[in-house]
Amino acid sequence: MIRMTKVLGMCAVAALALSPSVAKAQGANVEIRLATLAPSGSPWMAVLDKASAEIKQKTGGRVTMKYFEGGQQGDERDFVRKIKLGQLDGASVTSIGLSMIDESIRVLEIPMLFQSAEEVDYVADKMWPIFQKRFEKKGFKLNDRGEVGWIYFLSKTKVESLADLKGQKVWQWGDDAVVGAMFKKLGLNGVPLGVPEVDSSLTSGRISACYGSPVAAVALQWYTKVKFMTSMPMSFAIGATVVSLESMKKLDPADLKAVEDISKAASKKLRKVIRKANEEAKTTMVKKGVTVVNTPPAMIDEFTKNAAEVQKGLIGKVYEQSDLDMVIKYRDEFRAKNKK
């Protein structure tokens, strides 16, 4: 009887050791492979690298985050494709990459829609859980919101009117349906290119203007090829890290919670870091010879009028009427609460 009890006990231990949850906890370490356009040494990577180190430390080395920086894995379309193929686990992307999973998230980046970063925060915080559910249905975990910042036009010659801008060969991110619609409406000469191609195209003269946030322009060295920047921002750009749900299944529950908690804190910190970095980047650009041109009211009015028409034209193509209604509702709600 004693011998039988020992045998049964050994079988039970063996069965427990082979169960998925225990095997996962006792199994090999997990490496999460992520791609990003952010170059090494940029403010984005400073925050992401610190979070990666904390994740490794908190999980006892069981989870490591491997970043392929600076577009090593291509453009954001390539990132999403590789995630779906299992060649990557996730990516830290702009809204362009996010839109390749669920395009409706671009409703947060309609040109000329917001007047302050605080408006963006208020609206995006209200909308984010909705987008997280949509991404989950498509097999992705959408982490908390990151940031790129206000988007300005950068050019080799001065832009003080819509006519001036029409005279430029302006980079157009080939996968950006929202900016593409805006360019078409304004009659701009857009040159479709991927982000990794912008720097060399500015050098060669293939394009004479581009758009981006100050910190992106400095990190990617675009600002060294231009002389002017508009004071008028076209839109406010966001971003986030996405990871396939299949990849998340590799993690032990305790490690998964640590990763989620650290990632959430990093996203919050990233927004603060990037806002400060954008202001510092503006200063750097001016010191290095880039002139910030005060955008005339007439040009701002033209952009605002055309943006309103583009906003309506994207309904049913990029986002639904209900999405736009919610964004405007929350934006106006914020303005009503902050009239002063």
Protein backbone atom coordinates (compact mmCIF):
# COMPACT_ATOMS: atom_id res chain seq x y z
CA MET A 1 0.00 0.00 0.00
CA ILE A 2 2.86 2.32 0.89
CA ARG A 3 4.59 1.44 -2.38
CA MET A 4 1.40 2.15 -4.35
CA THR A 5 1.03 5.53 -2.62
CA LYS A 6 4.58 6.46 -3.60
CA VAL A 7 3.95 5.45 -7.21
CA LEU A 8 0.76 7.52 -7.37
CA GLY A 9 2.55 10.44 -5.78
CA MET A 10 5.34 10.29 -8.35
CA CYS A 11 2.80 10.15 -11.18
CA ALA A 12 1.04 13.19 -9.79
CA VAL A 13 4.30 15.15 -9.60
CA ALA A 14 5.16 14.14 -13.17
CA ALA A 15 1.73 15.20 -14.42
CA LEU A 16 2.04 18.54 -12.64
CA ALA A 17 5.46 19.15 -14.13
CA LEU A 18 4.12 18.53 -17.62
CA SER A 19 1.09 20.81 -17.26
CA PRO A 20 1.25 23.92 -19.53
CA SER A 21 1.28 26.51 -16.76
CA VAL A 22 4.06 24.89 -14.75
CA ALA A 23 6.05 24.00 -17.84
CA LYS A 24 5.81 27.65 -18.90
CA ALA A 25 6.96 28.85 -15.48
CA GLN A 26 9.88 26.43 -15.41
CA GLY A 27 10.67 26.59 -19.13
CA ALA A 28 13.13 28.54 -21.16
CA ASN A 29 13.43 32.30 -20.94
CA VAL A 30 11.21 34.34 -23.27
CA GLU A 31 12.56 36.95 -25.66
CA ILE A 32 10.02 39.44 -27.02
CA ARG A 33 11.21 40.74 -30.39
CA LEU A 34 10.05 44.27 -31.22
CA ALA A 35 10.78 46.61 -34.12
CA THR A 36 10.69 50.40 -34.23
CA LEU A 37 11.67 53.29 -36.47
CA ALA A 38 13.05 55.15 -33.44
CA PRO A 39 16.84 55.36 -33.74
CA SER A 40 19.26 54.31 -31.03
CA GLY A 41 19.92 57.13 -28.58
CA SER A 42 16.61 58.89 -29.30
CA PRO A 43 14.29 59.93 -26.43
CA TRP A 44 11.94 57.08 -27.36
CA MET A 45 14.65 54.44 -27.06
CA ALA A 46 15.93 55.95 -23.80
CA VAL A 47 12.54 55.26 -22.19
CA LEU A 48 12.02 51.89 -23.91
CA ASP A 49 15.50 50.66 -23.01
CA LYS A 50 15.01 51.61 -19.38
CA ALA A 51 11.67 49.77 -19.30
CA SER A 52 13.31 46.74 -20.91
CA ALA A 53 16.00 46.66 -18.23
CA GLU A 54 13.36 46.92 -15.51
CA ILE A 55 11.33 44.08 -17.05
CA LYS A 56 14.41 41.86 -17.14
CA GLN A 57 15.20 42.68 -13.53
CA LYS A 58 11.63 42.26 -12.23
CA THR A 59 11.19 38.90 -13.98
CA GLY A 60 14.54 37.56 -12.82
CA GLY A 61 15.83 37.50 -16.38
CA ARG A 62 13.01 35.29 -17.61
CA VAL A 63 11.69 37.98 -19.98
CA THR A 64 13.89 40.12 -22.22
CA MET A 65 12.79 42.71 -24.77
CA LYS A 66 14.89 42.80 -27.93
CA TYR A 67 14.41 45.96 -30.00
CA PHE A 68 15.35 46.24 -33.66
CA GLU A 69 15.86 50.01 -33.80
CA GLY A 70 16.03 52.61 -36.52
CA GLY A 71 14.03 50.77 -39.16
CA GLN A 72 16.27 47.67 -39.21
CA GLN A 73 13.16 45.63 -39.97
CA GLY A 74 11.89 48.00 -42.67
CA ASP A 75 8.98 50.43 -42.43
CA GLU A 76 5.95 50.05 -40.17
CA ARG A 77 4.01 48.09 -42.80
CA ASP A 78 6.85 45.55 -42.71
CA PHE A 79 6.65 45.40 -38.91
CA VAL A 80 2.97 44.51 -38.87
CA ARG A 81 3.39 41.95 -41.65
CA LYS A 82 6.27 40.28 -39.80
CA ILE A 83 4.27 40.17 -36.56
CA LYS A 84 1.44 38.39 -38.35
CA LEU A 85 3.97 35.92 -39.81
CA GLY A 86 5.48 35.29 -36.38
CA GLN A 87 8.84 36.80 -37.37
CA LEU A 88 8.38 39.56 -34.77
CA ASP A 89 6.39 39.61 -31.54
CA GLY A 90 5.49 43.28 -31.61
CA ALA A 91 6.50 46.80 -32.53
CA SER A 92 6.59 50.32 -31.15
CA VAL A 93 4.92 52.28 -33.91
CA THR A 94 3.26 55.53 -34.87
CA SER A 95 -0.42 55.69 -35.70
CA ILE A 96 0.48 54.63 -39.26
CA GLY A 97 1.56 51.23 -38.01
CA LEU A 98 -1.45 51.08 -35.70
CA SER A 99 -3.76 51.86 -38.63
CA MET A 100 -2.55 48.72 -40.42
CA ILE A 101 -4.22 46.75 -37.66
CA ASP A 102 -7.27 48.97 -37.16
CA GLU A 103 -7.48 52.13 -39.24
CA SER A 104 -10.19 53.77 -37.13
CA ILE A 105 -7.57 54.88 -34.59
CA ARG A 106 -6.56 57.60 -37.07
CA VAL A 107 -9.67 59.55 -36.05
CA LEU A 108 -7.42 60.90 -33.27
CA GLU A 109 -5.10 62.48 -35.84
CA ILE A 110 -7.43 64.44 -38.08
CA PRO A 111 -5.58 67.61 -39.19
CA MET A 112 -6.40 70.87 -37.41
CA LEU A 113 -8.71 69.10 -34.93
CA PHE A 114 -7.00 69.93 -31.62
CA GLN A 115 -5.65 73.13 -30.13
CA SER A 116 -3.62 71.73 -27.24
CA ALA A 117 -1.91 68.57 -26.05
CA GLU A 118 -4.28 68.59 -23.09
CA GLU A 119 -7.23 68.25 -25.47
CA VAL A 120 -5.50 65.28 -27.10
CA ASP A 121 -4.92 63.67 -23.69
CA TYR A 122 -8.52 64.09 -22.64
CA VAL A 123 -10.00 62.70 -25.86
CA ALA A 124 -7.48 59.89 -26.32
CA ASP A 125 -7.87 58.70 -22.72
CA LYS A 126 -11.62 58.45 -23.25
CA MET A 127 -11.27 56.61 -26.56
CA TRP A 128 -8.32 54.30 -25.84
CA PRO A 129 -10.27 51.43 -24.18
CA ILE A 130 -12.44 51.26 -27.30
CA PHE A 131 -9.42 50.87 -29.54
CA GLN A 132 -7.84 48.32 -27.20
CA LYS A 133 -10.90 46.10 -27.59
CA ARG A 134 -10.80 46.45 -31.38
CA PHE A 135 -7.12 45.51 -31.48
CA GLU A 136 -7.70 42.54 -29.19
CA LYS A 137 -10.33 41.19 -31.57
CA LYS A 138 -7.67 41.31 -34.30
CA GLY A 139 -5.10 39.40 -32.25
CA PHE A 140 -3.10 42.30 -30.82
CA LYS A 141 -2.58 43.82 -27.42
CA LEU A 142 -2.56 47.61 -27.74
CA ASN A 143 -0.47 49.05 -24.92
CA ASP A 144 -1.01 52.48 -23.45
CA ARG A 145 -0.58 55.50 -25.70
CA GLY A 146 2.84 56.80 -26.61
CA GLU A 147 3.58 60.03 -28.42
CA VAL A 148 5.23 61.71 -31.39
CA GLY A 149 3.87 65.22 -30.88
CA TRP A 150 2.79 68.19 -32.97
CA ILE A 151 3.52 67.76 -36.67
CA TYR A 152 5.02 70.68 -38.62
CA PHE A 153 6.11 71.22 -42.22
CA LEU A 154 9.88 71.36 -42.75
CA SER A 155 11.20 72.78 -46.02
CA LYS A 156 14.26 73.97 -47.91
CA THR A 157 12.55 77.20 -48.95
CA LYS A 158 10.26 79.45 -46.93
CA VAL A 159 6.56 78.52 -46.72
CA GLU A 160 4.26 81.45 -45.92
CA SER A 161 1.21 80.45 -47.94
CA LEU A 162 -0.56 77.46 -49.40
CA ALA A 163 0.84 78.49 -52.79
CA ASP A 164 4.38 78.24 -51.37
CA LEU A 165 3.64 74.74 -50.09
CA LYS A 166 2.20 73.72 -53.43
CA GLY A 167 5.53 74.63 -54.98
CA GLN A 168 7.33 72.05 -52.84
CA LYS A 169 7.92 68.36 -53.48
CA VAL A 170 6.58 67.21 -50.14
CA TRP A 171 7.26 63.80 -48.64
CA GLN A 172 4.07 61.85 -48.12
CA TRP A 173 4.18 58.68 -46.04
CA GLY A 174 2.82 56.23 -48.59
CA ASP A 175 0.71 54.41 -46.00
CA ASP A 176 -0.83 57.56 -44.51
CA ALA A 177 -4.41 57.72 -45.78
CA VAL A 178 -5.30 60.76 -43.65
CA VAL A 179 -2.41 62.97 -44.77
CA GLY A 180 -2.85 61.61 -48.29
CA ALA A 181 -6.45 62.85 -48.30
CA MET A 182 -5.34 66.22 -46.92
CA PHE A 183 -2.65 66.59 -49.56
CA LYS A 184 -5.12 65.73 -52.32
CA LYS A 185 -7.63 68.24 -51.01
CA LEU A 186 -4.99 70.97 -50.81
CA GLY A 187 -3.51 70.10 -54.20
CA LEU A 188 -0.03 69.42 -52.80
CA ASN A 189 2.69 67.63 -54.71
CA GLY A 190 3.09 64.60 -52.45
CA VAL A 191 5.95 62.15 -53.06
CA PRO A 192 5.10 58.76 -51.50
CA LEU A 193 8.07 57.32 -49.58
CA GLY A 194 8.76 55.21 -46.53
CA VAL A 195 10.30 56.88 -43.46
CA PRO A 196 13.75 55.28 -44.01
CA GLU A 197 13.87 56.95 -47.46
CA VAL A 198 13.21 60.52 -46.32
CA ASP A 199 16.74 61.50 -45.30
CA SER A 200 18.40 60.41 -48.54
CA SER A 201 15.55 61.93 -50.59
CA LEU A 202 16.04 65.31 -48.94
CA THR A 203 19.75 65.05 -49.72
CA SER A 204 19.24 64.06 -53.36
CA GLY A 205 16.50 66.63 -54.00
CA ARG A 206 13.86 64.02 -54.69
CA ILE A 207 11.82 65.93 -52.09
CA SER A 208 12.23 69.50 -50.88
CA ALA A 209 9.93 69.34 -47.85
CA CYS A 210 8.62 66.88 -45.30
CA TYR A 211 6.58 66.89 -42.10
CA GLY A 212 7.26 65.64 -38.60
CA SER A 213 7.65 66.52 -34.96
CA PRO A 214 10.77 68.48 -33.93
CA VAL A 215 12.18 65.58 -31.91
CA ALA A 216 11.69 63.21 -34.86
CA ALA A 217 13.32 65.71 -37.23
CA VAL A 218 16.37 65.90 -34.95
CA ALA A 219 16.55 62.18 -34.15
CA LEU A 220 16.32 61.25 -37.84
CA GLN A 221 18.60 64.15 -38.88
CA TRP A 222 16.04 65.60 -41.30
CA TYR A 223 16.54 69.05 -39.82
CA THR A 224 20.09 69.19 -41.23
CA LYS A 225 18.67 69.12 -44.77
CA VAL A 226 16.05 71.88 -44.36
CA LYS A 227 16.10 75.59 -43.51
CA PHE A 228 12.54 76.38 -42.46
CA MET A 229 9.71 75.07 -40.28
CA THR A 230 6.13 76.33 -40.11
CA SER A 231 4.86 77.61 -36.76
CA MET A 232 1.50 75.99 -37.59
CA PRO A 233 1.20 72.32 -36.64
CA MET A 234 -0.87 70.22 -39.03
CA SER A 235 -1.88 67.59 -36.47
CA PHE A 236 -0.86 65.84 -33.26
CA ALA A 237 0.71 62.41 -33.76
CA ILE A 238 0.41 59.51 -31.36
CA GLY A 239 1.85 56.02 -31.21
CA ALA A 240 1.94 52.87 -29.09
CA THR A 241 3.52 49.46 -28.72
CA VAL A 242 1.54 46.50 -30.02
CA VAL A 243 2.27 42.85 -29.28
CA SER A 244 0.57 39.80 -30.73
CA LEU A 245 -1.68 37.98 -28.27
CA GLU A 246 0.02 34.72 -29.26
CA SER A 247 3.36 36.10 -28.14
CA MET A 248 1.90 37.20 -24.81
CA LYS A 249 0.81 33.59 -24.17
CA LYS A 250 4.47 32.66 -23.85
CA LEU A 251 4.68 34.53 -20.55
CA ASP A 252 3.95 33.18 -17.10
CA PRO A 253 0.99 35.11 -15.54
CA ALA A 254 3.20 36.78 -12.93
CA ASP A 255 5.74 37.83 -15.56
CA LEU A 256 2.95 39.02 -17.84
CA LYS A 257 1.63 41.30 -15.10
CA ALA A 258 5.11 42.71 -14.50
CA VAL A 259 5.52 43.42 -18.22
CA GLU A 260 2.10 45.09 -18.44
CA ASP A 261 2.65 47.25 -15.32
CA ILE A 262 6.11 48.40 -16.39
CA SER A 263 4.97 49.06 -19.96
CA LYS A 264 2.03 51.15 -18.77
CA ALA A 265 4.27 53.27 -16.55
CA ALA A 266 6.77 53.65 -19.41
CA SER A 267 4.05 54.91 -21.77
CA LYS A 268 3.00 57.56 -19.28
CA LYS A 269 6.61 58.62 -18.76
CA LEU A 270 7.23 58.61 -22.51
CA ARG A 271 4.54 61.23 -23.12
CA LYS A 272 6.21 63.58 -20.62
CA VAL A 273 9.68 62.91 -21.99
CA ILE A 274 8.66 63.47 -25.62
CA ARG A 275 6.87 66.74 -24.86
CA LYS A 276 9.96 68.08 -23.18
CA ALA A 277 12.19 66.66 -25.91
CA ASN A 278 10.11 68.36 -28.62
CA GLU A 279 10.64 71.75 -27.00
CA GLU A 280 14.36 71.08 -26.66
CA ALA A 281 14.50 69.89 -30.28
CA LYS A 282 12.92 73.15 -31.46
CA THR A 283 15.68 75.05 -29.67
CA THR A 284 18.33 72.82 -31.21
CA MET A 285 16.92 73.32 -34.70
CA VAL A 286 16.86 77.10 -34.35
CA LYS A 287 20.43 77.14 -33.01
CA LYS A 288 21.53 75.05 -35.99
CA GLY A 289 20.03 77.50 -38.47
CA VAL A 290 16.42 76.39 -39.01
CA THR A 291 14.05 79.37 -39.10
CA VAL A 292 10.56 79.01 -37.65
CA VAL A 293 8.27 80.90 -40.02
CA ASN A 294 5.16 82.46 -38.50
CA THR A 295 2.29 80.95 -40.44
CA PRO A 296 -0.07 83.72 -41.64
CA PRO A 297 -3.72 83.57 -40.44
CA ALA A 298 -4.88 83.20 -44.06
CA MET A 299 -2.91 79.96 -44.46
CA ILE A 300 -4.20 78.61 -41.15
CA ASP A 301 -7.76 79.42 -42.22
CA GLU A 302 -7.28 77.60 -45.54
CA PHE A 303 -5.92 74.54 -43.78
CA THR A 304 -8.72 74.54 -41.21
CA LYS A 305 -11.43 74.87 -43.87
CA ASN A 306 -10.00 72.09 -46.01
CA ALA A 307 -9.35 69.85 -42.99
CA ALA A 308 -13.04 70.07 -42.05
CA GLU A 309 -13.98 68.77 -45.51
CA VAL A 310 -11.37 66.00 -45.31
CA GLN A 311 -12.73 65.08 -41.89
CA LYS A 312 -16.14 64.40 -43.40
CA GLY A 313 -14.70 62.71 -46.48
CA LEU A 314 -12.91 60.05 -44.40
CA ILE A 315 -16.14 58.83 -42.78
CA GLY A 316 -16.78 55.26 -43.87
CA LYS A 317 -13.29 55.02 -45.38
CA VAL A 318 -10.97 55.37 -42.38
CA TYR A 319 -13.37 55.65 -39.44
CA GLU A 320 -17.10 55.62 -38.81
CA GLN A 321 -19.36 58.57 -38.09
CA SER A 322 -19.76 57.32 -34.51
CA ASP A 323 -15.98 57.50 -33.98
CA LEU A 324 -15.83 61.08 -35.22
CA ASP A 325 -18.86 62.03 -33.13
CA MET A 326 -17.19 60.71 -29.98
CA VAL A 327 -13.94 62.55 -30.64
CA ILE A 328 -15.71 65.86 -31.24
CA LYS A 329 -17.99 65.28 -28.24
CA TYR A 330 -15.05 64.71 -25.88
CA ARG A 331 -13.02 67.55 -27.38
CA ASP A 332 -15.90 70.00 -26.91
CA GLU A 333 -16.50 68.57 -23.44
CA PHE A 334 -12.90 69.39 -22.53
CA ARG A 335 -13.19 72.90 -23.95
CA ALA A 336 -16.39 73.53 -21.99
CA LYS A 337 -14.65 72.48 -18.76
CA ASN A 338 -11.59 74.61 -19.51
CA LYS A 339 -13.00 77.84 -20.96
CA LYS A 340 -10.44 80.01 -19.19
